[in-house]
Amino acid sequence: MHELVIRGATVIDGTGADARVADVAVDGGIISAVAEQGEIAPGRRDIDAEGLLLTPGWVDIHTHYDGQATWDPYMTPSSWHGVTTAVFGNCSVGFAPVRPGSEPYLINLMEGVEDIPETVLAEGIDFRWESFPDYLNVLDATKRIMDIGAQVPHAALRYYVMGERGADFAERPTAQEIERMGELLEESLQAGALGFTTSRTVKHRAADGRLTPGYGAEEAELTGLAQAMKRAGRGVMEVNSDFGEGDFARLRAAAEIAERPLSVLLVQVDNAPGLWRQTLDQVGAACADGLEVTAQVGSRPIGMLMGLQATVHPFTTHPLWQEMSELSPAQRFERLKNEPDLRRRLVQERPDDGHVQWMAQVLERSFEIDDAVDYEPGPEKSIAARAKTLGRDPFDLALELLMADDGGALLLHPFENYCSGDLSVVKEMLEDPNSVCGVADAGAHVGLICDASSPTSLLTHWGRDRSRGEKLPLEFLVRKQTSDTARTYGLLDRGVIAPGYKADLNLIDFAVLRLHRPELVYDLPAGGRRIIQKADGYRHTFVAGVEVMRDGEATGNLPGQLLRGAQAGPQLI
């Protein structure tokens, strides 16, 4: 008798093959059989899945749960969206290795780069490690809802070896320091790190304004680290870059020295709207030459969420708003609700500063988030366009909308992947054979962004709801978020529904699958705030055959494991 049998589901197996109705059996945490209906013997638990989709669990390779994984066994919001494997340590930031007493710098860097408040990290993280292998051991000892993997962040490695000099990207490490960084990286990869990550973008700065330590890393430093990866014979090199002149060539050269896969983040930016195409062509050329290179792309706009309780909104720098800084959110809202003159003055007496000038442009491409949660709104729906139609000041309309839900409403400003006002570019990115889903940033930008829900909108928007262009097949979309992402990190034991693969599974009622509106809550350590987003439609999520979520609620089971390096599997893909 099988431990679990899921009967009559529409199976989308993660390979891109056509969906088919089948029964699936699970034993010992592994898929033991996939067969036509009625061919599999009864299980100790049988689930009638007629009318439901059965997919592999989502594999999210670009998260920032480096700190949260040490205090939150449920890894929310990702676990609410069918994610069964999460990889963090991306973009050069993380918390190991760390010398005692130097924790504040790593926290400051994470706060600046990923918008996770210092108070949250300082309160939530119990630094019980120094080396990266020690950090892995701490993660390994903690029960959690999903499997996790960690990467070695360049910034932490550099700071550990070079001290305060390492925080300055313009400082060059000595030959001995490069050698030491390489030794530590090799040791970490041998201990189970999934990769090495670095950042070469001006967007990434510590909270004190300094660029990430690896921003200007030159050939000698990159070569030393690449040689360490070659010696280890393990790991992926992950990079977030602005792709200035010659940068992709430098990264490609490092990957060639390392003889390891390279994975680069790819988004469309307003100041160079065609650069993504050039970079993707370079990725394609490298792959044609036999290198393993992937472009991590998004499935929706990268969007800043503005709210009266969020990190940014149109009135952040207004003197009247700043006078209320000591009030609680509820107290501020009561004043706004009951004092029309305060609302008038916020709009009419706004300062002529850089923030307000920027916001005037932002409102040209900012949108109300209603229950439809539309991630591809047309330009006529922008706050500025609506205000013009109504003969109103855009700041006045923005304030009115932000005051909805007792001051908890949010506006969406797509600032990347949306230059043309639609998702045509994102569709091209997704369809490229060398791209994988990978810029959701789950666990990060907690007061600005909540894209941990991207696996859900990937299916709903592209597979069912899109009205401003072509949709994409569900089989293709599921593959992009399962076997493609798993294969990128050598996790060959998951991401496919076939005998021998890990029984990480989502059973989904696709007809009712939908996102809730994002909302801001105060549930982080030290009462820290974050934006969350939930979903309807996930009926059951299994990790290694153990049910971890049922109808949107955690079961309390915590079967998740730390992944130490690539995971061998049947390799049927």
Protein backbone atom coordinates (compact mmCIF):
# COMPACT_ATOMS: atom_id res chain seq x y z
CA MET A 1 0.00 0.00 0.00
CA HIS A 2 1.36 3.42 -0.97
CA GLU A 3 1.74 6.14 1.63
CA LEU A 4 -0.09 8.70 -0.51
CA VAL A 5 -2.00 8.55 -3.78
CA ILE A 6 -3.29 11.64 -5.57
CA ARG A 7 -6.00 10.51 -7.98
CA GLY A 8 -7.39 12.01 -11.14
CA ALA A 9 -5.34 15.21 -11.12
CA THR A 10 -4.45 17.11 -14.26
CA VAL A 11 -0.71 16.58 -14.06
CA ILE A 12 1.62 19.28 -15.39
CA ASP A 13 4.87 17.48 -14.75
CA GLY A 14 7.43 20.29 -14.98
CA THR A 15 9.13 19.09 -18.18
CA GLY A 16 6.96 21.11 -20.54
CA ALA A 17 5.08 18.00 -21.70
CA ASP A 18 1.36 18.27 -22.31
CA ALA A 19 -0.90 18.07 -19.28
CA ARG A 20 -2.58 14.73 -18.70
CA VAL A 21 -4.98 13.23 -16.20
CA ALA A 22 -3.18 10.68 -14.05
CA ASP A 23 -2.76 9.15 -10.60
CA VAL A 24 0.45 9.80 -8.66
CA ALA A 25 1.80 7.69 -5.79
CA VAL A 26 4.28 8.78 -3.14
CA ASP A 27 6.41 6.61 -0.85
CA GLY A 28 9.29 7.58 1.42
CA GLY A 29 9.21 11.18 0.26
CA ILE A 30 9.72 10.16 -3.38
CA ILE A 31 7.29 9.88 -6.30
CA SER A 32 6.97 6.14 -6.76
CA ALA A 33 4.49 5.91 -9.63
CA VAL A 34 2.66 8.00 -12.23
CA ALA A 35 0.01 6.06 -14.10
CA GLU A 36 -3.33 6.15 -15.84
CA GLN A 37 -6.37 6.44 -13.58
CA GLY A 38 -7.17 3.26 -11.70
CA GLU A 39 -3.80 1.58 -12.27
CA ILE A 40 -2.27 2.49 -8.88
CA ALA A 41 -3.17 0.48 -5.76
CA PRO A 42 -4.81 2.25 -2.81
CA GLY A 43 -2.79 4.43 -0.50
CA ARG A 44 -2.95 4.95 3.22
CA ARG A 45 -4.16 8.40 2.19
CA ASP A 46 -6.03 8.90 -1.07
CA ILE A 47 -6.83 12.39 -2.34
CA ASP A 48 -9.54 12.86 -4.97
CA ALA A 49 -7.98 15.53 -7.20
CA GLU A 50 -10.44 15.53 -10.07
CA GLY A 51 -10.48 19.00 -11.64
CA LEU A 52 -7.30 20.11 -9.85
CA LEU A 53 -3.83 20.80 -11.25
CA LEU A 54 -0.90 18.83 -9.85
CA THR A 55 2.47 20.52 -10.34
CA PRO A 56 5.92 20.17 -8.82
CA GLY A 57 6.56 22.52 -5.91
CA TRP A 58 7.96 25.87 -6.98
CA VAL A 59 11.73 26.29 -6.82
CA ASP A 60 12.60 29.93 -6.07
CA ILE A 61 16.30 30.51 -6.66
CA HIS A 62 16.39 34.23 -5.85
CA THR A 63 15.33 35.00 -2.28
CA HIS A 64 16.82 36.92 0.64
CA TYR A 65 15.78 34.79 3.60
CA ASP A 66 19.35 34.80 4.99
CA GLY A 67 18.18 36.22 8.31
CA GLN A 68 14.52 35.17 8.34
CA ALA A 69 15.46 31.51 7.84
CA THR A 70 17.02 31.59 11.31
CA TRP A 71 13.83 32.72 13.07
CA ASP A 72 10.83 31.85 10.86
CA PRO A 73 10.26 28.13 10.27
CA TYR A 74 7.33 28.91 7.95
CA MET A 75 9.30 31.06 5.50
CA THR A 76 6.39 33.34 4.70
CA PRO A 77 5.21 34.71 2.31
CA SER A 78 6.82 32.08 0.06
CA SER A 79 5.19 29.07 1.68
CA TRP A 80 1.77 30.64 1.03
CA HIS A 81 2.53 30.47 -2.69
CA GLY A 82 3.56 26.88 -3.19
CA VAL A 83 7.32 27.36 -2.88
CA THR A 84 8.98 24.19 -1.63
CA THR A 85 12.64 25.12 -2.27
CA ALA A 86 14.21 28.54 -1.65
CA VAL A 87 17.78 29.68 -2.36
CA PHE A 88 19.24 32.75 -0.65
CA GLY A 89 22.57 34.53 -0.24
CA ASN A 90 21.95 36.37 -3.51
CA CYS A 91 23.28 39.76 -4.66
CA SER A 92 26.46 39.60 -2.56
CA VAL A 93 24.68 40.13 0.78
CA GLY A 94 24.32 37.77 3.73
CA PHE A 95 25.50 37.07 7.24
CA ALA A 96 28.45 34.69 6.96
CA PRO A 97 31.34 34.60 7.39
CA VAL A 98 31.27 37.17 10.19
CA ARG A 99 33.80 38.11 12.85
CA PRO A 100 32.39 38.74 16.33
CA GLY A 101 31.70 42.46 16.57
CA SER A 102 31.35 43.04 12.83
CA GLU A 103 27.70 41.99 12.64
CA PRO A 104 26.47 45.63 12.49
CA TYR A 105 28.13 46.22 9.12
CA LEU A 106 26.47 43.17 7.52
CA ILE A 107 23.14 44.25 8.99
CA ASN A 108 23.66 47.81 7.70
CA LEU A 109 24.45 46.44 4.26
CA MET A 110 21.40 44.19 4.18
CA GLU A 111 19.21 47.06 5.37
CA GLY A 112 20.42 49.29 2.56
CA VAL A 113 20.50 46.77 -0.26
CA GLU A 114 17.38 44.77 0.58
CA ASP A 115 15.29 47.17 2.72
CA ILE A 116 15.12 44.93 5.80
CA PRO A 117 15.19 47.19 8.88
CA GLU A 118 18.22 47.10 11.16
CA THR A 119 16.02 46.69 14.23
CA VAL A 120 14.40 43.59 12.73
CA LEU A 121 17.71 41.94 11.84
CA ALA A 122 19.42 42.87 15.10
CA GLU A 123 16.52 41.50 17.12
CA GLY A 124 15.79 38.47 14.94
CA ILE A 125 19.25 37.05 14.25
CA ASP A 126 21.15 35.20 16.93
CA PHE A 127 24.66 35.16 15.49
CA ARG A 128 25.77 31.73 16.64
CA TRP A 129 28.35 31.31 13.89
CA GLU A 130 31.52 32.80 12.46
CA SER A 131 32.46 30.76 9.40
CA PHE A 132 30.12 30.00 6.54
CA PRO A 133 30.18 26.26 7.35
CA ASP A 134 29.14 27.19 10.91
CA TYR A 135 26.22 29.17 9.45
CA LEU A 136 25.17 26.16 7.40
CA ASN A 137 25.24 24.02 10.52
CA VAL A 138 22.94 26.46 12.32
CA LEU A 139 20.53 26.39 9.37
CA ASP A 140 20.74 22.61 9.26
CA ALA A 141 19.73 22.33 12.91
CA THR A 142 16.53 24.33 12.44
CA LYS A 143 13.27 22.69 11.37
CA ARG A 144 11.33 24.48 8.64
CA ILE A 145 8.53 24.12 6.15
CA MET A 146 10.61 23.93 2.96
CA ASP A 147 14.05 23.03 1.68
CA ILE A 148 16.61 25.82 1.62
CA GLY A 149 20.01 26.45 0.10
CA ALA A 150 22.54 29.18 0.87
CA GLN A 151 25.22 30.90 -1.18
CA VAL A 152 28.44 32.66 -0.13
CA PRO A 153 28.03 36.45 -0.40
CA HIS A 154 31.02 38.36 -1.76
CA ALA A 155 30.42 41.32 0.56
CA ALA A 156 30.59 39.27 3.75
CA LEU A 157 33.61 37.31 2.50
CA ARG A 158 35.51 40.47 1.56
CA TYR A 159 34.71 42.23 4.85
CA TYR A 160 35.72 39.16 6.85
CA VAL A 161 39.14 38.99 5.18
CA MET A 162 39.92 42.69 4.65
CA GLY A 163 38.20 44.23 7.66
CA GLU A 164 36.97 47.82 7.29
CA ARG A 165 38.99 48.19 4.07
CA GLY A 166 36.80 45.50 2.57
CA ALA A 167 33.72 47.67 2.89
CA ASP A 168 35.21 50.15 0.42
CA PHE A 169 34.77 48.84 -3.10
CA ALA A 170 37.66 51.03 -4.30
CA GLU A 171 40.12 49.25 -2.00
CA ARG A 172 42.07 46.51 -3.72
CA PRO A 173 42.81 43.30 -1.82
CA THR A 174 46.40 42.13 -1.62
CA ALA A 175 47.46 38.87 -3.23
CA GLN A 176 47.40 37.27 0.22
CA GLU A 177 43.87 38.55 0.88
CA ILE A 178 42.66 37.21 -2.46
CA GLU A 179 44.20 33.86 -1.62
CA ARG A 180 42.49 33.85 1.78
CA MET A 181 39.11 34.73 0.28
CA GLY A 182 39.58 31.87 -2.16
CA GLU A 183 40.41 29.43 0.62
CA LEU A 184 37.28 30.40 2.56
CA LEU A 185 35.11 30.20 -0.54
CA GLU A 186 36.43 26.76 -1.42
CA GLU A 187 35.84 25.61 2.17
CA SER A 188 32.28 26.94 2.07
CA LEU A 189 31.46 25.27 -1.23
CA GLN A 190 32.85 21.98 0.05
CA ALA A 191 30.66 22.37 3.14
CA GLY A 192 27.55 22.71 0.99
CA ALA A 193 27.15 26.28 -0.23
CA LEU A 194 25.18 26.29 -3.49
CA GLY A 195 27.19 29.10 -5.02
CA PHE A 196 29.00 32.41 -4.80
CA THR A 197 27.26 35.74 -5.39
CA THR A 198 28.43 39.25 -6.13
CA SER A 199 26.91 42.63 -6.97
CA ARG A 200 28.11 45.12 -9.56
CA THR A 201 25.20 47.57 -9.59
CA VAL A 202 24.97 51.13 -8.27
CA LYS A 203 21.48 50.31 -6.99
CA HIS A 204 23.01 48.30 -4.16
CA ARG A 205 24.22 50.44 -1.29
CA ALA A 206 24.50 49.98 2.44
CA ALA A 207 22.16 52.02 4.62
CA ASP A 208 25.07 54.41 5.19
CA GLY A 209 25.27 55.04 1.43
CA ARG A 210 28.37 53.01 0.58
CA LEU A 211 28.29 50.78 -2.51
CA THR A 212 28.48 47.02 -2.03
CA PRO A 213 32.08 45.88 -1.43
CA GLY A 214 32.37 43.83 -4.61
CA TYR A 215 31.01 46.57 -6.89
CA GLY A 216 34.39 47.36 -8.45
CA ALA A 217 36.12 44.01 -8.04
CA GLU A 218 38.86 43.81 -10.65
CA GLU A 219 40.21 40.93 -12.66
CA ALA A 220 42.68 39.70 -10.03
CA GLU A 221 40.00 39.41 -7.35
CA LEU A 222 37.43 37.81 -9.66
CA THR A 223 40.04 35.40 -10.97
CA GLY A 224 41.11 34.34 -7.48
CA LEU A 225 37.53 33.60 -6.51
CA ALA A 226 36.85 31.81 -9.80
CA GLN A 227 39.91 29.60 -9.26
CA ALA A 228 38.56 28.68 -5.82
CA MET A 229 35.27 27.60 -7.42
CA LYS A 230 37.21 25.51 -9.92
CA ARG A 231 39.15 23.81 -7.14
CA ALA A 232 35.92 23.06 -5.29
CA GLY A 233 34.26 21.83 -8.48
CA ARG A 234 30.95 23.08 -7.12
CA GLY A 235 28.58 25.99 -7.09
CA VAL A 236 26.93 28.60 -9.29
CA MET A 237 28.28 32.12 -9.79
CA GLU A 238 25.32 34.52 -9.36
CA VAL A 239 25.69 38.19 -10.32
CA ASN A 240 23.58 41.33 -10.18
CA SER A 241 25.16 43.87 -12.54
CA ASP A 242 24.39 47.10 -14.39
CA PHE A 243 26.16 45.53 -17.38
CA GLY A 244 28.27 48.51 -18.22
CA GLU A 245 30.85 48.40 -21.00
CA GLY A 246 32.67 45.08 -20.94
CA ASP A 247 31.11 43.80 -17.71
CA PHE A 248 29.45 40.72 -19.15
CA ALA A 249 32.75 39.79 -20.81
CA ARG A 250 34.51 40.03 -17.43
CA LEU A 251 31.89 37.84 -15.79
CA ARG A 252 31.99 35.34 -18.63
CA ALA A 253 35.77 35.14 -18.34
CA ALA A 254 35.48 34.46 -14.60
CA ALA A 255 32.93 31.71 -15.22
CA GLU A 256 35.20 30.16 -17.84
CA ILE A 257 38.07 30.10 -15.33
CA ALA A 258 35.79 28.64 -12.65
CA GLU A 259 34.34 26.08 -15.07
CA ARG A 260 31.09 26.65 -13.21
CA PRO A 261 27.62 27.91 -14.27
CA LEU A 262 26.96 31.66 -14.38
CA SER A 263 23.54 33.11 -13.59
CA VAL A 264 22.87 36.83 -14.09
CA LEU A 265 19.89 38.96 -13.12
CA LEU A 266 18.12 40.59 -16.06
CA VAL A 267 15.60 43.44 -15.91
CA GLN A 268 14.62 46.28 -18.21
CA VAL A 269 15.55 49.71 -16.85
CA ASP A 270 14.21 53.08 -17.93
CA ASN A 271 17.59 54.72 -18.50
CA ALA A 272 18.70 51.95 -20.89
CA PRO A 273 15.51 50.24 -22.10
CA GLY A 274 17.30 48.10 -24.71
CA LEU A 275 20.21 46.91 -22.59
CA TRP A 276 18.35 43.77 -21.50
CA ARG A 277 18.25 42.60 -25.12
CA GLN A 278 21.98 43.11 -25.58
CA THR A 279 22.71 41.20 -22.36
CA LEU A 280 20.37 38.36 -23.28
CA ASP A 281 22.08 38.08 -26.66
CA GLN A 282 25.41 37.82 -24.83
CA VAL A 283 23.97 35.07 -22.64
CA GLY A 284 22.82 33.25 -25.76
CA ALA A 285 26.22 33.57 -27.41
CA ALA A 286 27.93 32.17 -24.30
CA CYS A 287 25.54 29.22 -24.24
CA ALA A 288 26.16 28.60 -27.94
CA ASP A 289 29.87 28.40 -27.09
CA GLY A 290 29.15 25.65 -24.57
CA LEU A 291 29.02 27.63 -21.32
CA GLU A 292 26.26 27.15 -18.75
CA VAL A 293 24.73 30.62 -18.44
CA THR A 294 21.21 31.59 -17.42
CA ALA A 295 19.43 34.92 -17.19
CA GLN A 296 17.20 35.23 -14.14
CA VAL A 297 14.09 37.16 -15.22
CA GLY A 298 10.85 38.30 -13.67
CA SER A 299 7.30 37.45 -14.68
CA ARG A 300 5.78 40.84 -13.88
CA PRO A 301 6.96 44.43 -13.37
CA ILE A 302 9.37 45.15 -10.57
CA GLY A 303 7.08 47.44 -8.65
CA MET A 304 7.44 49.72 -5.65
CA LEU A 305 4.42 49.65 -3.36
CA MET A 306 3.63 53.05 -1.86
CA GLY A 307 1.54 53.43 1.27
CA LEU A 308 1.09 55.74 4.23
CA GLN A 309 2.70 53.04 6.38
CA ALA A 310 5.22 51.86 3.78
CA THR A 311 8.78 53.04 3.23
CA VAL A 312 7.84 55.54 0.51
CA HIS A 313 4.81 57.61 -0.43
CA PRO A 314 4.27 61.03 -2.06
CA PHE A 315 4.35 62.95 1.24
CA THR A 316 7.37 61.35 2.93
CA THR A 317 9.42 64.59 3.01
CA HIS A 318 6.53 66.99 3.69
CA PRO A 319 7.15 68.96 6.92
CA LEU A 320 3.55 68.35 8.03
CA TRP A 321 4.02 64.61 7.58
CA GLN A 322 7.33 64.62 9.39
CA GLU A 323 5.70 66.43 12.33
CA MET A 324 3.54 63.33 12.75
CA SER A 325 6.49 60.92 12.74
CA GLU A 326 6.10 60.10 16.43
CA LEU A 327 2.43 59.18 16.04
CA SER A 328 1.28 55.62 15.49
CA PRO A 329 -0.13 54.77 12.05
CA ALA A 330 -3.62 54.72 13.53
CA GLN A 331 -3.13 58.14 15.09
CA ARG A 332 -1.84 59.62 11.83
CA PHE A 333 -4.81 58.21 9.96
CA GLU A 334 -7.25 59.67 12.48
CA ARG A 335 -5.73 63.08 11.95
CA LEU A 336 -5.90 62.75 8.19
CA LYS A 337 -9.49 61.54 8.32
CA ASN A 338 -10.73 64.23 10.68
CA GLU A 339 -8.70 67.24 9.53
CA PRO A 340 -9.55 68.27 5.95
CA ASP A 341 -7.26 71.27 6.27
CA LEU A 342 -4.32 68.93 6.97
CA ARG A 343 -5.12 66.99 3.81
CA ARG A 344 -5.41 70.22 1.82
CA ARG A 345 -2.09 71.53 3.08
CA LEU A 346 -0.31 68.22 2.40
CA VAL A 347 -1.36 68.56 -1.23
CA GLN A 348 -1.15 72.31 -1.79
CA GLU A 349 1.86 73.19 0.35
CA ARG A 350 4.15 70.38 -0.68
CA PRO A 351 7.84 71.28 -0.70
CA ASP A 352 9.74 71.83 -3.92
CA ASP A 353 12.34 69.17 -3.16
CA GLY A 354 13.82 66.24 -5.04
CA HIS A 355 11.40 63.75 -3.57
CA VAL A 356 8.31 65.70 -4.61
CA GLN A 357 9.74 66.32 -8.08
CA TRP A 358 10.43 62.60 -8.39
CA MET A 359 6.94 61.74 -7.15
CA ALA A 360 5.39 63.97 -9.81
CA GLN A 361 7.03 61.65 -12.36
CA VAL A 362 6.25 58.50 -10.36
CA LEU A 363 2.51 59.24 -10.35
CA GLU A 364 2.58 59.25 -14.14
CA ARG A 365 3.11 55.48 -13.87
CA SER A 366 1.53 54.49 -10.57
CA PHE A 367 -1.69 52.55 -10.18
CA GLU A 368 -4.32 51.71 -7.60
CA ILE A 369 -4.26 48.08 -6.50
CA ASP A 370 -7.83 46.83 -6.27
CA ASP A 371 -9.16 43.31 -5.75
CA ALA A 372 -8.26 42.38 -9.33
CA VAL A 373 -4.53 42.84 -8.47
CA ASP A 374 -3.65 43.69 -12.08
CA TYR A 375 0.09 43.65 -12.76
CA GLU A 376 -0.33 44.89 -16.35
CA PRO A 377 -2.49 48.03 -16.06
CA GLY A 378 -2.83 50.35 -19.03
CA PRO A 379 -1.49 53.94 -18.97
CA GLU A 380 -5.03 55.34 -18.80
CA LYS A 381 -5.32 53.84 -15.31
CA SER A 382 -2.35 55.73 -13.86
CA ILE A 383 -2.93 58.14 -10.99
CA ALA A 384 -1.86 61.09 -13.13
CA ALA A 385 -4.11 60.07 -16.06
CA ARG A 386 -7.11 59.57 -13.79
CA ALA A 387 -6.47 62.87 -12.03
CA LYS A 388 -6.31 64.69 -15.38
CA THR A 389 -9.64 63.19 -16.43
CA LEU A 390 -11.18 64.28 -13.11
CA GLY A 391 -9.56 67.71 -13.19
CA ARG A 392 -7.73 67.03 -9.95
CA ASP A 393 -4.18 67.30 -8.63
CA PRO A 394 -2.50 63.86 -8.88
CA PHE A 395 -1.19 64.23 -5.32
CA ASP A 396 -4.75 64.86 -4.12
CA LEU A 397 -6.06 61.72 -5.81
CA ALA A 398 -3.08 59.72 -4.53
CA LEU A 399 -3.79 60.83 -0.96
CA GLU A 400 -7.46 59.87 -1.28
CA LEU A 401 -6.58 56.42 -2.59
CA LEU A 402 -3.90 55.86 0.05
CA MET A 403 -6.40 56.61 2.80
CA ALA A 404 -8.62 53.67 1.82
CA ASP A 405 -8.68 50.64 4.12
CA ASP A 406 -8.12 52.91 7.15
CA GLY A 407 -4.91 54.17 5.65
CA GLY A 408 -3.61 50.74 4.69
CA ALA A 409 -4.09 50.97 0.91
CA LEU A 410 -1.14 50.64 -1.44
CA LEU A 411 -0.30 52.03 -4.88
CA LEU A 412 1.90 50.18 -7.37
CA HIS A 413 4.68 51.98 -9.24
CA PRO A 414 6.34 49.66 -11.81
CA PHE A 415 9.89 50.97 -12.07
CA GLU A 416 11.50 48.11 -14.03
CA ASN A 417 10.27 45.83 -16.80
CA TYR A 418 7.57 48.37 -17.76
CA CYS A 419 9.10 50.99 -20.04
CA SER A 420 6.48 50.40 -22.73
CA GLY A 421 3.57 50.38 -20.30
CA ASP A 422 2.92 46.67 -20.77
CA LEU A 423 4.64 43.31 -20.29
CA SER A 424 5.68 42.65 -23.89
CA VAL A 425 9.36 42.76 -22.89
CA VAL A 426 8.77 40.37 -19.99
CA LYS A 427 7.11 37.94 -22.39
CA GLU A 428 10.22 38.00 -24.60
CA MET A 429 12.41 37.42 -21.56
CA LEU A 430 10.31 34.49 -20.36
CA GLU A 431 10.26 32.86 -23.79
CA ASP A 432 14.03 32.93 -24.19
CA PRO A 433 15.44 29.39 -23.85
CA ASN A 434 18.27 30.61 -21.61
CA SER A 435 16.09 32.40 -19.06
CA VAL A 436 14.69 31.15 -15.76
CA CYS A 437 12.38 32.76 -13.23
CA GLY A 438 14.53 34.44 -10.63
CA VAL A 439 14.09 38.04 -9.49
CA ALA A 440 11.27 37.75 -6.95
CA ASP A 441 13.49 38.83 -4.00
CA ALA A 442 11.28 37.03 -1.47
CA GLY A 443 12.09 38.13 2.07
CA ALA A 444 13.58 41.46 0.97
CA HIS A 445 12.38 45.04 0.37
CA VAL A 446 9.81 44.42 3.05
CA GLY A 447 8.52 48.00 3.10
CA LEU A 448 8.54 48.49 -0.67
CA ILE A 449 7.99 45.27 -2.61
CA CYS A 450 6.28 41.92 -2.18
CA ASP A 451 7.12 39.76 -5.17
CA ALA A 452 7.36 36.48 -3.25
CA SER A 453 3.94 35.86 -4.80
CA SER A 454 5.41 35.81 -8.33
CA PRO A 455 4.95 32.03 -8.81
CA THR A 456 1.22 32.53 -8.33
CA SER A 457 0.89 35.49 -10.68
CA LEU A 458 3.06 33.65 -13.21
CA LEU A 459 0.25 31.11 -13.57
CA THR A 460 -2.76 33.38 -13.17
CA HIS A 461 -1.61 36.29 -15.33
CA TRP A 462 0.22 34.51 -18.13
CA GLY A 463 -1.79 31.30 -18.13
CA ARG A 464 -5.33 32.61 -17.64
CA ASP A 465 -6.04 36.30 -17.09
CA ARG A 466 -3.86 38.34 -19.44
CA SER A 467 -5.96 40.68 -21.64
CA ARG A 468 -3.33 43.00 -23.13
CA GLY A 469 -1.48 40.43 -25.22
CA GLU A 470 -0.91 36.74 -25.76
CA LYS A 471 -0.99 34.24 -22.93
CA LEU A 472 1.52 31.44 -22.46
CA PRO A 473 0.87 27.69 -22.03
CA LEU A 474 0.61 26.44 -18.46
CA GLU A 475 3.01 23.60 -19.22
CA PHE A 476 5.66 26.14 -20.26
CA LEU A 477 5.05 28.35 -17.21
CA VAL A 478 5.27 25.46 -14.75
CA ARG A 479 8.54 24.28 -16.29
CA LYS A 480 10.00 27.78 -15.92
CA GLN A 481 9.39 27.76 -12.15
CA THR A 482 10.26 24.12 -11.44
CA SER A 483 12.65 22.00 -13.49
CA ASP A 484 14.33 25.02 -15.12
CA THR A 485 15.06 26.75 -11.83
CA ALA A 486 16.05 23.51 -10.11
CA ARG A 487 18.43 22.57 -12.92
CA THR A 488 20.10 26.00 -12.77
CA TYR A 489 21.43 25.11 -9.30
CA GLY A 490 22.06 21.46 -10.00
CA LEU A 491 19.06 20.35 -7.96
CA LEU A 492 18.29 17.45 -10.23
CA ASP A 493 16.21 15.53 -7.71
CA ARG A 494 13.20 17.87 -7.86
CA GLY A 495 11.04 19.95 -10.17
CA VAL A 496 9.55 17.03 -12.11
CA ILE A 497 6.61 14.72 -11.45
CA ALA A 498 8.06 11.35 -12.40
CA PRO A 499 9.14 8.23 -10.52
CA GLY A 500 12.32 8.79 -8.52
CA TYR A 501 11.89 12.52 -8.05
CA LYS A 502 11.35 14.22 -4.72
CA ALA A 503 7.66 14.46 -3.85
CA ASP A 504 7.48 18.25 -3.62
CA LEU A 505 4.01 18.93 -5.02
CA ASN A 506 1.30 21.56 -5.36
CA LEU A 507 -2.34 20.60 -5.82
CA ILE A 508 -4.06 23.70 -7.20
CA ASP A 509 -7.64 24.69 -7.90
CA PHE A 510 -6.72 26.76 -10.95
CA ALA A 511 -10.24 28.10 -11.43
CA VAL A 512 -10.08 29.95 -8.11
CA LEU A 513 -6.34 30.60 -7.93
CA ARG A 514 -5.92 34.31 -7.24
CA LEU A 515 -3.80 36.79 -5.34
CA HIS A 516 -5.05 38.86 -2.47
CA ARG A 517 -4.20 42.54 -2.43
CA PRO A 518 -0.84 43.22 -0.75
CA GLU A 519 -1.13 44.48 2.81
CA LEU A 520 1.24 45.88 5.40
CA VAL A 521 1.54 44.06 8.72
CA TYR A 522 3.73 44.36 11.82
CA ASP A 523 4.82 40.79 12.49
CA LEU A 524 8.61 40.87 12.17
CA PRO A 525 10.97 40.79 15.16
CA ALA A 526 10.96 44.04 17.17
CA GLY A 527 7.50 44.75 15.75
CA GLY A 528 8.96 45.41 12.32
CA ARG A 529 6.68 46.02 9.39
CA ARG A 530 6.52 44.21 6.09
CA ILE A 531 4.25 43.94 3.08
CA ILE A 532 2.69 40.52 2.60
CA GLN A 533 0.43 38.97 -0.01
CA LYS A 534 -1.63 35.81 0.29
CA ALA A 535 -3.43 33.65 -2.25
CA ASP A 536 -6.46 31.44 -2.71
CA GLY A 537 -6.42 28.22 -4.67
CA TYR A 538 -3.54 26.20 -3.23
CA ARG A 539 -5.42 23.17 -1.91
CA HIS A 540 -2.40 21.12 -0.77
CA THR A 541 1.36 21.62 -0.78
CA PHE A 542 3.69 18.69 -0.03
CA VAL A 543 7.41 18.71 0.77
CA ALA A 544 8.97 15.24 0.50
CA GLY A 545 5.47 13.80 0.53
CA VAL A 546 4.55 15.55 3.80
CA GLU A 547 1.63 17.95 3.65
CA VAL A 548 2.83 21.37 4.82
CA MET A 549 -0.02 23.63 3.61
CA ARG A 550 -3.73 22.96 3.24
CA ASP A 551 -6.15 25.56 1.84
CA GLY A 552 -3.80 28.40 2.69
CA GLU A 553 -3.00 27.31 6.24
CA ALA A 554 0.15 25.65 7.52
CA THR A 555 -0.34 22.13 8.87
CA GLY A 556 2.49 22.47 11.37
CA ASN A 557 4.63 19.84 9.66
CA LEU A 558 8.22 20.96 9.13
CA PRO A 559 10.01 18.46 6.85
CA GLY A 560 12.29 20.99 5.14
CA GLN A 561 16.01 20.27 4.86
CA LEU A 562 19.18 22.26 4.22
CA LEU A 563 20.52 21.49 0.77
CA ARG A 564 24.27 21.02 0.74
CA GLY A 565 25.42 21.35 -2.83
CA ALA A 566 23.84 19.87 -5.94
CA GLN A 567 21.32 17.08 -5.46
CA ALA A 568 21.57 14.08 -7.78
CA GLY A 569 18.36 12.70 -9.22
CA PRO A 570 16.93 10.58 -12.02
CA GLN A 571 17.82 13.40 -14.48
CA LEU A 572 14.95 12.66 -16.84
CA ILE A 573 14.87 16.28 -18.00
